[in-house]
Amino acid sequence: MTPKEWLFDSFLLIPEVKNFSLGADINIGTTMSGEGNFYAVPSPNPGNKEAWLTIIESLMCGANTISKAIEEISKIIGKPEIERNLVVMLPYAGINQCKFGMIDGKNLNFSILG
């Protein structure tokens, strides 16, 4: 099938997390607007530096794949009129993470507990 025109102007990259240690908070309750019984239970297994580096590598691979696809399709139907957007999901370091890893000679501790 030959492409004929541009359809998507944005792409969402969400890293695959099944192969490494990266927990997510669990949201419990019925509303997130500050009313009702909503609260978050922090992950017992928050991501560390190694998990983040794995995520970044995965995202860069996905971004490169999208970029190459746009280049190839541009040869067939011409460049898109506007640049394509890339939205990237990055996890935050959990509030229980006291041993994230070393960056710039500092051991990072994101724990609210110290």
PDB file of N, CA and C in Angstrom:
ATOM      1  N   MET A   1       0.847  -1.170   0.000  1.00  0.00           N
ATOM      2  CA  MET A   1       0.000   0.000   0.000  1.00  0.00           C
ATOM      3  C   MET A   1       0.899   1.242   0.000  1.00  0.00           C
ATOM      4  N   THR A   2       0.607   2.161  -0.852  1.00  0.00           N
ATOM      5  CA  THR A   2       1.393   3.388  -0.964  1.00  0.00           C
ATOM      6  C   THR A   2       0.699   4.515  -0.207  1.00  0.00           C
ATOM      7  N   PRO A   3       1.442   5.204   0.681  1.00  0.00           N
ATOM      8  CA  PRO A   3       0.824   6.338   1.381  1.00  0.00           C
ATOM      9  C   PRO A   3       0.477   7.450   0.401  1.00  0.00           C
ATOM     10  N   LYS A   4      -0.615   8.176   0.703  1.00  0.00           N
ATOM     11  CA  LYS A   4      -1.070   9.245  -0.187  1.00  0.00           C
ATOM     12  C   LYS A   4      -1.028  10.613   0.464  1.00  0.00           C
ATOM     13  N   GLU A   5      -1.231  10.657   1.776  1.00  0.00           N
ATOM     14  CA  GLU A   5      -1.190  11.940   2.476  1.00  0.00           C
ATOM     15  C   GLU A   5      -0.872  11.705   3.947  1.00  0.00           C
ATOM     16  N   TRP A   6      -0.509  12.783   4.626  1.00  0.00           N
ATOM     17  CA  TRP A   6      -0.163  12.707   6.047  1.00  0.00           C
ATOM     18  C   TRP A   6      -1.425  12.601   6.881  1.00  0.00           C
ATOM     19  N   LEU A   7      -1.413  11.715   7.856  1.00  0.00           N
ATOM     20  CA  LEU A   7      -2.572  11.542   8.731  1.00  0.00           C
ATOM     21  C   LEU A   7      -2.285  12.064  10.135  1.00  0.00           C
ATOM     22  N   PHE A   8      -1.241  11.593  10.760  1.00  0.00           N
ATOM     23  CA  PHE A   8      -0.963  11.968  12.146  1.00  0.00           C
ATOM     24  C   PHE A   8      -0.001  13.144  12.212  1.00  0.00           C
ATOM     25  N   ASP A   9      -0.262  14.069  13.152  1.00  0.00           N
ATOM     26  CA  ASP A   9       0.689  15.171  13.352  1.00  0.00           C
ATOM     27  C   ASP A   9       1.440  15.008  14.666  1.00  0.00           C
ATOM     28  N   SER A  10       1.074  13.995  15.453  1.00  0.00           N
ATOM     29  CA  SER A  10       1.717  13.780  16.751  1.00  0.00           C
ATOM     30  C   SER A  10       1.858  12.284  17.015  1.00  0.00           C
ATOM     31  N   PHE A  11       2.883  11.965  17.790  1.00  0.00           N
ATOM     32  CA  PHE A  11       3.137  10.584  18.171  1.00  0.00           C
ATOM     33  C   PHE A  11       3.408  10.546  19.667  1.00  0.00           C
ATOM     34  N   LEU A  12       2.896   9.524  20.334  1.00  0.00           N
ATOM     35  CA  LEU A  12       3.083   9.350  21.771  1.00  0.00           C
ATOM     36  C   LEU A  12       3.991   8.151  21.999  1.00  0.00           C
ATOM     37  N   LEU A  13       5.081   8.384  22.733  1.00  0.00           N
ATOM     38  CA  LEU A  13       5.989   7.296  23.085  1.00  0.00           C
ATOM     39  C   LEU A  13       5.836   6.980  24.565  1.00  0.00           C
ATOM     40  N   ILE A  14       5.472   5.739  24.844  1.00  0.00           N
ATOM     41  CA  ILE A  14       5.349   5.262  26.220  1.00  0.00           C
ATOM     42  C   ILE A  14       6.301   4.081  26.354  1.00  0.00           C
ATOM     43  N   PRO A  15       7.271   4.168  27.245  1.00  0.00           N
ATOM     44  CA  PRO A  15       8.244   3.080  27.344  1.00  0.00           C
ATOM     45  C   PRO A  15       7.623   1.791  27.858  1.00  0.00           C
ATOM     46  N   GLU A  16       8.147   0.690  27.371  1.00  0.00           N
ATOM     47  CA  GLU A  16       7.726  -0.623  27.843  1.00  0.00           C
ATOM     48  C   GLU A  16       8.469  -0.900  29.140  1.00  0.00           C
ATOM     49  N   VAL A  17       7.745  -1.224  30.190  1.00  0.00           N
ATOM     50  CA  VAL A  17       8.371  -1.352  31.507  1.00  0.00           C
ATOM     51  C   VAL A  17       8.420  -2.785  32.031  1.00  0.00           C
ATOM     52  N   LYS A  18       8.050  -3.756  31.239  1.00  0.00           N
ATOM     53  CA  LYS A  18       7.952  -5.128  31.757  1.00  0.00           C
ATOM     54  C   LYS A  18       9.295  -5.788  32.027  1.00  0.00           C
ATOM     55  N   ASN A  19      10.358  -5.301  31.401  1.00  0.00           N
ATOM     56  CA  ASN A  19      11.637  -5.991  31.516  1.00  0.00           C
ATOM     57  C   ASN A  19      12.595  -5.395  32.535  1.00  0.00           C
ATOM     58  N   PHE A  20      12.171  -4.424  33.303  1.00  0.00           N
ATOM     59  CA  PHE A  20      13.068  -3.861  34.302  1.00  0.00           C
ATOM     60  C   PHE A  20      12.273  -3.366  35.496  1.00  0.00           C
ATOM     61  N   SER A  21      12.996  -3.058  36.545  1.00  0.00           N
ATOM     62  CA  SER A  21      12.382  -2.646  37.802  1.00  0.00           C
ATOM     63  C   SER A  21      11.906  -1.204  37.717  1.00  0.00           C
ATOM     64  N   LEU A  22      10.626  -1.006  37.616  1.00  0.00           N
ATOM     65  CA  LEU A  22      10.085   0.351  37.615  1.00  0.00           C
ATOM     66  C   LEU A  22       8.635   0.273  38.054  1.00  0.00           C
ATOM     67  N   GLY A  23       8.410   0.530  39.306  1.00  0.00           N
ATOM     68  CA  GLY A  23       7.056   0.467  39.814  1.00  0.00           C
ATOM     69  C   GLY A  23       6.311   1.756  39.543  1.00  0.00           C
ATOM     70  N   ALA A  24       5.026   1.721  39.686  1.00  0.00           N
ATOM     71  CA  ALA A  24       4.195   2.906  39.520  1.00  0.00           C
ATOM     72  C   ALA A  24       3.303   3.030  40.746  1.00  0.00           C
ATOM     73  N   ASP A  25       2.996   4.265  41.111  1.00  0.00           N
ATOM     74  CA  ASP A  25       2.073   4.460  42.223  1.00  0.00           C
ATOM     75  C   ASP A  25       0.706   3.913  41.837  1.00  0.00           C
ATOM     76  N   ILE A  26      -0.011   3.464  42.829  1.00  0.00           N
ATOM     77  CA  ILE A  26      -1.353   2.946  42.614  1.00  0.00           C
ATOM     78  C   ILE A  26      -2.334   3.995  43.118  1.00  0.00           C
ATOM     79  N   ASN A  27      -3.212   4.442  42.243  1.00  0.00           N
ATOM     80  CA  ASN A  27      -4.204   5.441  42.624  1.00  0.00           C
ATOM     81  C   ASN A  27      -5.478   4.735  43.067  1.00  0.00           C
ATOM     82  N   ILE A  28      -5.962   5.118  44.238  1.00  0.00           N
ATOM     83  CA  ILE A  28      -7.140   4.488  44.823  1.00  0.00           C
ATOM     84  C   ILE A  28      -8.155   5.577  45.141  1.00  0.00           C
ATOM     85  N   GLY A  29      -9.407   5.294  44.895  1.00  0.00           N
ATOM     86  CA  GLY A  29     -10.454   6.249  45.218  1.00  0.00           C
ATOM     87  C   GLY A  29     -11.298   6.594  44.005  1.00  0.00           C
ATOM     88  N   THR A  30     -12.162   7.587  44.182  1.00  0.00           N
ATOM     89  CA  THR A  30     -13.135   7.899  43.138  1.00  0.00           C
ATOM     90  C   THR A  30     -12.927   9.239  42.452  1.00  0.00           C
ATOM     91  N   THR A  31     -12.048  10.081  42.952  1.00  0.00           N
ATOM     92  CA  THR A  31     -11.844  11.378  42.305  1.00  0.00           C
ATOM     93  C   THR A  31     -10.424  11.856  42.531  1.00  0.00           C
ATOM     94  N   MET A  32      -9.899  12.639  41.583  1.00  0.00           N
ATOM     95  CA  MET A  32      -8.550  13.185  41.728  1.00  0.00           C
ATOM     96  C   MET A  32      -8.586  14.704  41.880  1.00  0.00           C
ATOM     97  N   SER A  33      -9.742  15.278  42.100  1.00  0.00           N
ATOM     98  CA  SER A  33      -9.865  16.735  42.157  1.00  0.00           C
ATOM     99  C   SER A  33      -9.658  17.298  43.558  1.00  0.00           C
ATOM    100  N   GLY A  34      -9.181  16.478  44.478  1.00  0.00           N
ATOM    101  CA  GLY A  34      -8.983  16.951  45.840  1.00  0.00           C
ATOM    102  C   GLY A  34     -10.194  16.720  46.718  1.00  0.00           C
ATOM    103  N   GLU A  35     -11.253  16.231  46.129  1.00  0.00           N
ATOM    104  CA  GLU A  35     -12.463  15.927  46.881  1.00  0.00           C
ATOM    105  C   GLU A  35     -12.633  14.412  46.887  1.00  0.00           C
ATOM    106  N   GLY A  36     -13.444  13.924  47.750  1.00  0.00           N
ATOM    107  CA  GLY A  36     -13.705  12.493  47.764  1.00  0.00           C
ATOM    108  C   GLY A  36     -12.611  11.716  48.470  1.00  0.00           C
ATOM    109  N   ASN A  37     -12.461  10.461  48.092  1.00  0.00           N
ATOM    110  CA  ASN A  37     -11.581   9.566  48.836  1.00  0.00           C
ATOM    111  C   ASN A  37     -10.345   9.139  48.037  1.00  0.00           C
ATOM    112  N   PHE A  38      -9.888   9.959  47.115  1.00  0.00           N
ATOM    113  CA  PHE A  38      -8.738   9.607  46.283  1.00  0.00           C
ATOM    114  C   PHE A  38      -7.428   9.738  47.046  1.00  0.00           C
ATOM    115  N   TYR A  39      -6.554   8.748  46.896  1.00  0.00           N
ATOM    116  CA  TYR A  39      -5.193   8.852  47.418  1.00  0.00           C
ATOM    117  C   TYR A  39      -4.289   7.910  46.624  1.00  0.00           C
ATOM    118  N   ALA A  40      -3.007   8.188  46.663  1.00  0.00           N
ATOM    119  CA  ALA A  40      -2.035   7.364  45.944  1.00  0.00           C
ATOM    120  C   ALA A  40      -1.229   6.539  46.937  1.00  0.00           C
ATOM    121  N   VAL A  41      -1.018   5.293  46.592  1.00  0.00           N
ATOM    122  CA  VAL A  41      -0.171   4.409  47.388  1.00  0.00           C
ATOM    123  C   VAL A  41       1.173   4.327  46.659  1.00  0.00           C
ATOM    124  N   PRO A  42       2.257   4.824  47.287  1.00  0.00           N
ATOM    125  CA  PRO A  42       3.558   4.812  46.606  1.00  0.00           C
ATOM    126  C   PRO A  42       4.012   3.398  46.255  1.00  0.00           C
ATOM    127  N   SER A  43       4.685   3.298  45.133  1.00  0.00           N
ATOM    128  CA  SER A  43       5.210   2.019  44.671  1.00  0.00           C
ATOM    129  C   SER A  43       6.211   1.456  45.668  1.00  0.00           C
ATOM    130  N   PRO A  44       6.120   0.164  45.951  1.00  0.00           N
ATOM    131  CA  PRO A  44       7.121  -0.451  46.830  1.00  0.00           C
ATOM    132  C   PRO A  44       8.439  -0.706  46.088  1.00  0.00           C
ATOM    133  N   ASN A  45       8.446  -0.516  44.760  1.00  0.00           N
ATOM    134  CA  ASN A  45       9.615  -0.828  43.941  1.00  0.00           C
ATOM    135  C   ASN A  45       9.881   0.317  42.954  1.00  0.00           C
ATOM    136  N   PRO A  46      10.252   1.506  43.457  1.00  0.00           N
ATOM    137  CA  PRO A  46      10.430   2.644  42.553  1.00  0.00           C
ATOM    138  C   PRO A  46      11.636   2.463  41.640  1.00  0.00           C
ATOM    139  N   GLY A  47      11.562   3.074  40.460  1.00  0.00           N
ATOM    140  CA  GLY A  47      12.640   2.972  39.484  1.00  0.00           C
ATOM    141  C   GLY A  47      13.928   3.620  39.969  1.00  0.00           C
ATOM    142  N   ASN A  48      15.044   3.084  39.484  1.00  0.00           N
ATOM    143  CA  ASN A  48      16.352   3.633  39.829  1.00  0.00           C
ATOM    144  C   ASN A  48      17.041   4.139  38.555  1.00  0.00           C
ATOM    145  N   LYS A  49      18.289   4.542  38.676  1.00  0.00           N
ATOM    146  CA  LYS A  49      19.026   5.094  37.540  1.00  0.00           C
ATOM    147  C   LYS A  49      19.081   4.101  36.379  1.00  0.00           C
ATOM    148  N   GLU A  50      19.339   2.841  36.679  1.00  0.00           N
ATOM    149  CA  GLU A  50      19.416   1.821  35.628  1.00  0.00           C
ATOM    150  C   GLU A  50      18.102   1.726  34.855  1.00  0.00           C
ATOM    151  N   ALA A  51      16.981   1.765  35.568  1.00  0.00           N
ATOM    152  CA  ALA A  51      15.673   1.712  34.915  1.00  0.00           C
ATOM    153  C   ALA A  51      15.464   2.938  34.033  1.00  0.00           C
ATOM    154  N   TRP A  52      15.858   4.108  34.526  1.00  0.00           N
ATOM    155  CA  TRP A  52      15.710   5.333  33.734  1.00  0.00           C
ATOM    156  C   TRP A  52      16.559   5.279  32.475  1.00  0.00           C
ATOM    157  N   LEU A  53      17.790   4.778  32.578  1.00  0.00           N
ATOM    158  CA  LEU A  53      18.649   4.674  31.395  1.00  0.00           C
ATOM    159  C   LEU A  53      18.049   3.712  30.371  1.00  0.00           C
ATOM    160  N   THR A  54      17.426   2.637  30.855  1.00  0.00           N
ATOM    161  CA  THR A  54      16.748   1.700  29.963  1.00  0.00           C
ATOM    162  C   THR A  54      15.583   2.385  29.265  1.00  0.00           C
ATOM    163  N   ILE A  55      14.833   3.183  30.012  1.00  0.00           N
ATOM    164  CA  ILE A  55      13.712   3.927  29.431  1.00  0.00           C
ATOM    165  C   ILE A  55      14.208   4.893  28.363  1.00  0.00           C
ATOM    166  N   ILE A  56      15.246   5.647  28.674  1.00  0.00           N
ATOM    167  CA  ILE A  56      15.771   6.629  27.720  1.00  0.00           C
ATOM    168  C   ILE A  56      16.232   5.931  26.442  1.00  0.00           C
ATOM    169  N   GLU A  57      16.914   4.804  26.580  1.00  0.00           N
ATOM    170  CA  GLU A  57      17.358   4.050  25.401  1.00  0.00           C
ATOM    171  C   GLU A  57      16.163   3.590  24.570  1.00  0.00           C
ATOM    172  N   SER A  58      15.127   3.099  25.236  1.00  0.00           N
ATOM    173  CA  SER A  58      13.917   2.652  24.555  1.00  0.00           C
ATOM    174  C   SER A  58      13.240   3.810  23.825  1.00  0.00           C
ATOM    175  N   LEU A  59      13.148   4.964  24.487  1.00  0.00           N
ATOM    176  CA  LEU A  59      12.511   6.130  23.875  1.00  0.00           C
ATOM    177  C   LEU A  59      13.310   6.639  22.676  1.00  0.00           C
ATOM    178  N   MET A  60      14.626   6.656  22.795  1.00  0.00           N
ATOM    179  CA  MET A  60      15.462   7.115  21.684  1.00  0.00           C
ATOM    180  C   MET A  60      15.307   6.189  20.477  1.00  0.00           C
ATOM    181  N   CYS A  61      15.211   4.906  20.730  1.00  0.00           N
ATOM    182  CA  CYS A  61      15.005   3.940  19.654  1.00  0.00           C
ATOM    183  C   CYS A  61      13.667   4.213  18.955  1.00  0.00           C
ATOM    184  N   GLY A  62      12.615   4.433  19.745  1.00  0.00           N
ATOM    185  CA  GLY A  62      11.301   4.741  19.182  1.00  0.00           C
ATOM    186  C   GLY A  62      11.298   6.047  18.408  1.00  0.00           C
ATOM    187  N   ALA A  63      11.967   7.066  18.944  1.00  0.00           N
ATOM    188  CA  ALA A  63      12.038   8.365  18.265  1.00  0.00           C
ATOM    189  C   ALA A  63      12.792   8.236  16.947  1.00  0.00           C
ATOM    190  N   ASN A  64      13.867   7.474  16.937  1.00  0.00           N
ATOM    191  CA  ASN A  64      14.626   7.263  15.700  1.00  0.00           C
ATOM    192  C   ASN A  64      13.799   6.524  14.657  1.00  0.00           C
ATOM    193  N   THR A  65      13.018   5.548  15.097  1.00  0.00           N
ATOM    194  CA  THR A  65      12.155   4.803  14.180  1.00  0.00           C
ATOM    195  C   THR A  65      11.124   5.726  13.544  1.00  0.00           C
ATOM    196  N   ILE A  66      10.509   6.581  14.347  1.00  0.00           N
ATOM    197  CA  ILE A  66       9.525   7.533  13.821  1.00  0.00           C
ATOM    198  C   ILE A  66      10.192   8.503  12.850  1.00  0.00           C
ATOM    199  N   SER A  67      11.349   9.013  13.215  1.00  0.00           N
ATOM    200  CA  SER A  67      12.071   9.954  12.360  1.00  0.00           C
ATOM    201  C   SER A  67      12.407   9.329  11.004  1.00  0.00           C
ATOM    202  N   LYS A  68      12.894   8.095  11.017  1.00  0.00           N
ATOM    203  CA  LYS A  68      13.228   7.408   9.768  1.00  0.00           C
ATOM    204  C   LYS A  68      11.981   7.160   8.923  1.00  0.00           C
ATOM    205  N   ALA A  69      10.875   6.798   9.571  1.00  0.00           N
ATOM    206  CA  ALA A  69       9.628   6.566   8.841  1.00  0.00           C
ATOM    207  C   ALA A  69       9.149   7.852   8.169  1.00  0.00           C
ATOM    208  N   ILE A  70       9.241   8.975   8.871  1.00  0.00           N
ATOM    209  CA  ILE A  70       8.837  10.261   8.292  1.00  0.00           C
ATOM    210  C   ILE A  70       9.722  10.594   7.093  1.00  0.00           C
ATOM    211  N   GLU A  71      11.028  10.357   7.212  1.00  0.00           N
ATOM    212  CA  GLU A  71      11.946  10.603   6.089  1.00  0.00           C
ATOM    213  C   GLU A  71      11.570   9.759   4.875  1.00  0.00           C
ATOM    214  N   GLU A  72      11.297   8.482   5.094  1.00  0.00           N
ATOM    215  CA  GLU A  72      10.958   7.585   3.987  1.00  0.00           C
ATOM    216  C   GLU A  72       9.637   7.982   3.326  1.00  0.00           C
ATOM    217  N   ILE A  73       8.640   8.286   4.135  1.00  0.00           N
ATOM    218  CA  ILE A  73       7.337   8.662   3.582  1.00  0.00           C
ATOM    219  C   ILE A  73       7.432  10.008   2.868  1.00  0.00           C
ATOM    220  N   SER A  74       8.283  10.907   3.371  1.00  0.00           N
ATOM    221  CA  SER A  74       8.474  12.215   2.730  1.00  0.00           C
ATOM    222  C   SER A  74       8.986  12.057   1.300  1.00  0.00           C
ATOM    223  N   LYS A  75       9.762  11.020   1.042  1.00  0.00           N
ATOM    224  CA  LYS A  75      10.267  10.765  -0.313  1.00  0.00           C
ATOM    225  C   LYS A  75       9.134  10.405  -1.269  1.00  0.00           C
ATOM    226  N   ILE A  76       8.055   9.850  -0.715  1.00  0.00           N
ATOM    227  CA  ILE A  76       6.933   9.393  -1.540  1.00  0.00           C
ATOM    228  C   ILE A  76       5.879  10.484  -1.711  1.00  0.00           C
ATOM    229  N   ILE A  77       5.488  11.135  -0.606  1.00  0.00           N
ATOM    230  CA  ILE A  77       4.369  12.091  -0.674  1.00  0.00           C
ATOM    231  C   ILE A  77       4.785  13.529  -0.377  1.00  0.00           C
ATOM    232  N   GLY A  78       6.066  13.758  -0.178  1.00  0.00           N
ATOM    233  CA  GLY A  78       6.535  15.105   0.140  1.00  0.00           C
ATOM    234  C   GLY A  78       6.563  15.338   1.644  1.00  0.00           C
ATOM    235  N   LYS A  79       7.307  16.363   2.023  1.00  0.00           N
ATOM    236  CA  LYS A  79       7.437  16.687   3.451  1.00  0.00           C
ATOM    237  C   LYS A  79       6.093  17.143   4.012  1.00  0.00           C
ATOM    238  N   PRO A  80       5.843  16.855   5.283  1.00  0.00           N
ATOM    239  CA  PRO A  80       4.603  17.353   5.897  1.00  0.00           C
ATOM    240  C   PRO A  80       4.628  18.884   5.976  1.00  0.00           C
ATOM    241  N   GLU A  81       3.455  19.487   5.919  1.00  0.00           N
ATOM    242  CA  GLU A  81       3.364  20.952   5.976  1.00  0.00           C
ATOM    243  C   GLU A  81       3.825  21.499   7.320  1.00  0.00           C
ATOM    244  N   ILE A  82       3.579  20.749   8.370  1.00  0.00           N
ATOM    245  CA  ILE A  82       4.027  21.160   9.705  1.00  0.00           C
ATOM    246  C   ILE A  82       4.872  20.037  10.290  1.00  0.00           C
ATOM    247  N   GLU A  83       5.754  20.397  11.224  1.00  0.00           N
ATOM    248  CA  GLU A  83       6.581  19.383  11.865  1.00  0.00           C
ATOM    249  C   GLU A  83       5.714  18.453  12.701  1.00  0.00           C
ATOM    250  N   ARG A  84       6.113  17.210  12.785  1.00  0.00           N
ATOM    251  CA  ARG A  84       5.416  16.236  13.611  1.00  0.00           C
ATOM    252  C   ARG A  84       5.820  16.442  15.067  1.00  0.00           C
ATOM    253  N   ASN A  85       4.872  16.249  15.970  1.00  0.00           N
ATOM    254  CA  ASN A  85       5.121  16.384  17.410  1.00  0.00           C
ATOM    255  C   ASN A  85       5.417  15.016  18.011  1.00  0.00           C
ATOM    256  N   LEU A  86       6.280  15.022  18.995  1.00  0.00           N
ATOM    257  CA  LEU A  86       6.603  13.797  19.709  1.00  0.00           C
ATOM    258  C   LEU A  86       6.358  14.044  21.195  1.00  0.00           C
ATOM    259  N   VAL A  87       5.427  13.299  21.763  1.00  0.00           N
ATOM    260  CA  VAL A  87       5.097  13.405  23.183  1.00  0.00           C
ATOM    261  C   VAL A  87       5.711  12.190  23.872  1.00  0.00           C
ATOM    262  N   VAL A  88       6.463  12.440  24.935  1.00  0.00           N
ATOM    263  CA  VAL A  88       7.200  11.375  25.599  1.00  0.00           C
ATOM    264  C   VAL A  88       6.739  11.249  27.045  1.00  0.00           C
ATOM    265  N   MET A  89       6.458  10.021  27.477  1.00  0.00           N
ATOM    266  CA  MET A  89       6.090   9.765  28.865  1.00  0.00           C
ATOM    267  C   MET A  89       7.353   9.406  29.635  1.00  0.00           C
ATOM    268  N   LEU A  90       7.631  10.169  30.677  1.00  0.00           N
ATOM    269  CA  LEU A  90       8.751   9.867  31.564  1.00  0.00           C
ATOM    270  C   LEU A  90       8.214   9.634  32.970  1.00  0.00           C
ATOM    271  N   PRO A  91       8.597   8.557  33.600  1.00  0.00           N
ATOM    272  CA  PRO A  91       8.158   8.343  34.979  1.00  0.00           C
ATOM    273  C   PRO A  91       8.918   9.260  35.930  1.00  0.00           C
ATOM    274  N   TYR A  92       8.328   9.530  37.048  1.00  0.00           N
ATOM    275  CA  TYR A  92       9.026  10.311  38.064  1.00  0.00           C
ATOM    276  C   TYR A  92       9.667   9.344  39.051  1.00  0.00           C
ATOM    277  N   ALA A  93      10.688   9.823  39.709  1.00  0.00           N
ATOM    278  CA  ALA A  93      11.326   8.983  40.729  1.00  0.00           C
ATOM    279  C   ALA A  93      10.397   8.926  41.935  1.00  0.00           C
ATOM    280  N   GLY A  94      10.064   7.750  42.369  1.00  0.00           N
ATOM    281  CA  GLY A  94       9.105   7.581  43.453  1.00  0.00           C
ATOM    282  C   GLY A  94       9.563   8.170  44.776  1.00  0.00           C
ATOM    283  N   ILE A  95       8.596   8.522  45.594  1.00  0.00           N
ATOM    284  CA  ILE A  95       8.906   9.136  46.889  1.00  0.00           C
ATOM    285  C   ILE A  95       9.503   8.137  47.877  1.00  0.00           C
ATOM    286  N   ASN A  96       9.539   6.858  47.512  1.00  0.00           N
ATOM    287  CA  ASN A  96      10.187   5.847  48.357  1.00  0.00           C
ATOM    288  C   ASN A  96      11.597   5.514  47.878  1.00  0.00           C
ATOM    289  N   GLN A  97      12.057   6.164  46.805  1.00  0.00           N
ATOM    290  CA  GLN A  97      13.360   5.819  46.225  1.00  0.00           C
ATOM    291  C   GLN A  97      14.486   6.523  46.970  1.00  0.00           C
ATOM    292  N   CYS A  98      15.179   5.775  47.811  1.00  0.00           N
ATOM    293  CA  CYS A  98      16.295   6.357  48.565  1.00  0.00           C
ATOM    294  C   CYS A  98      17.643   5.975  47.961  1.00  0.00           C
ATOM    295  N   LYS A  99      17.648   5.082  46.981  1.00  0.00           N
ATOM    296  CA  LYS A  99      18.898   4.643  46.340  1.00  0.00           C
ATOM    297  C   LYS A  99      18.746   4.699  44.826  1.00  0.00           C
ATOM    298  N   PHE A 100      18.479   5.882  44.293  1.00  0.00           N
ATOM    299  CA  PHE A 100      18.279   6.036  42.853  1.00  0.00           C
ATOM    300  C   PHE A 100      19.530   5.663  42.077  1.00  0.00           C
ATOM    301  N   GLY A 101      20.667   6.159  42.524  1.00  0.00           N
ATOM    302  CA  GLY A 101      21.933   5.920  41.838  1.00  0.00           C
ATOM    303  C   GLY A 101      22.769   7.184  41.864  1.00  0.00           C
ATOM    304  N   MET A 102      23.967   7.084  41.329  1.00  0.00           N
ATOM    305  CA  MET A 102      24.894   8.208  41.369  1.00  0.00           C
ATOM    306  C   MET A 102      24.864   8.972  40.043  1.00  0.00           C
ATOM    307  N   ILE A 103      24.726  10.295  40.137  1.00  0.00           N
ATOM    308  CA  ILE A 103      24.790  11.195  38.986  1.00  0.00           C
ATOM    309  C   ILE A 103      25.669  12.371  39.381  1.00  0.00           C
ATOM    310  N   ASP A 104      26.639  12.679  38.536  1.00  0.00           N
ATOM    311  CA  ASP A 104      27.586  13.775  38.788  1.00  0.00           C
ATOM    312  C   ASP A 104      28.232  13.660  40.165  1.00  0.00           C
ATOM    313  N   GLY A 105      28.570  12.438  40.563  1.00  0.00           N
ATOM    314  CA  GLY A 105      29.262  12.218  41.827  1.00  0.00           C
ATOM    315  C   GLY A 105      28.387  12.281  43.060  1.00  0.00           C
ATOM    316  N   LYS A 106      27.073  12.410  42.881  1.00  0.00           N
ATOM    317  CA  LYS A 106      26.158  12.472  44.026  1.00  0.00           C
ATOM    318  C   LYS A 106      25.213  11.280  43.995  1.00  0.00           C
ATOM    319  N   ASN A 107      25.062  10.632  45.154  1.00  0.00           N
ATOM    320  CA  ASN A 107      24.039   9.605  45.285  1.00  0.00           C
ATOM    321  C   ASN A 107      22.704  10.304  45.491  1.00  0.00           C
ATOM    322  N   LEU A 108      21.735  10.009  44.632  1.00  0.00           N
ATOM    323  CA  LEU A 108      20.444  10.687  44.713  1.00  0.00           C
ATOM    324  C   LEU A 108      19.466   9.912  45.583  1.00  0.00           C
ATOM    325  N   ASN A 109      18.809  10.639  46.478  1.00  0.00           N
ATOM    326  CA  ASN A 109      17.816  10.098  47.392  1.00  0.00           C
ATOM    327  C   ASN A 109      16.560  10.937  47.223  1.00  0.00           C
ATOM    328  N   PHE A 110      15.502  10.359  46.641  1.00  0.00           N
ATOM    329  CA  PHE A 110      14.250  11.077  46.418  1.00  0.00           C
ATOM    330  C   PHE A 110      13.219  10.780  47.506  1.00  0.00           C
ATOM    331  N   SER A 111      13.602  10.022  48.504  1.00  0.00           N
ATOM    332  CA  SER A 111      12.669   9.592  49.530  1.00  0.00           C
ATOM    333  C   SER A 111      12.253  10.756  50.426  1.00  0.00           C
ATOM    334  N   ILE A 112      10.965  10.815  50.710  1.00  0.00           N
ATOM    335  CA  ILE A 112      10.480  11.821  51.658  1.00  0.00           C
ATOM    336  C   ILE A 112      10.776  11.390  53.091  1.00  0.00           C
ATOM    337  N   LEU A 113      11.221  10.139  53.229  1.00  0.00           N
ATOM    338  CA  LEU A 113      11.516   9.619  54.561  1.00  0.00           C
ATOM    339  C   LEU A 113      12.973   9.833  54.957  1.00  0.00           C
ATOM    340  N   GLY A 114      13.809  10.222  54.003  1.00  0.00           N
ATOM    341  CA  GLY A 114      15.220  10.491  54.285  1.00  0.00           C
ATOM    342  C   GLY A 114      16.026   9.333  53.947  1.00  0.00           C
TER     343      GLY A 114
END
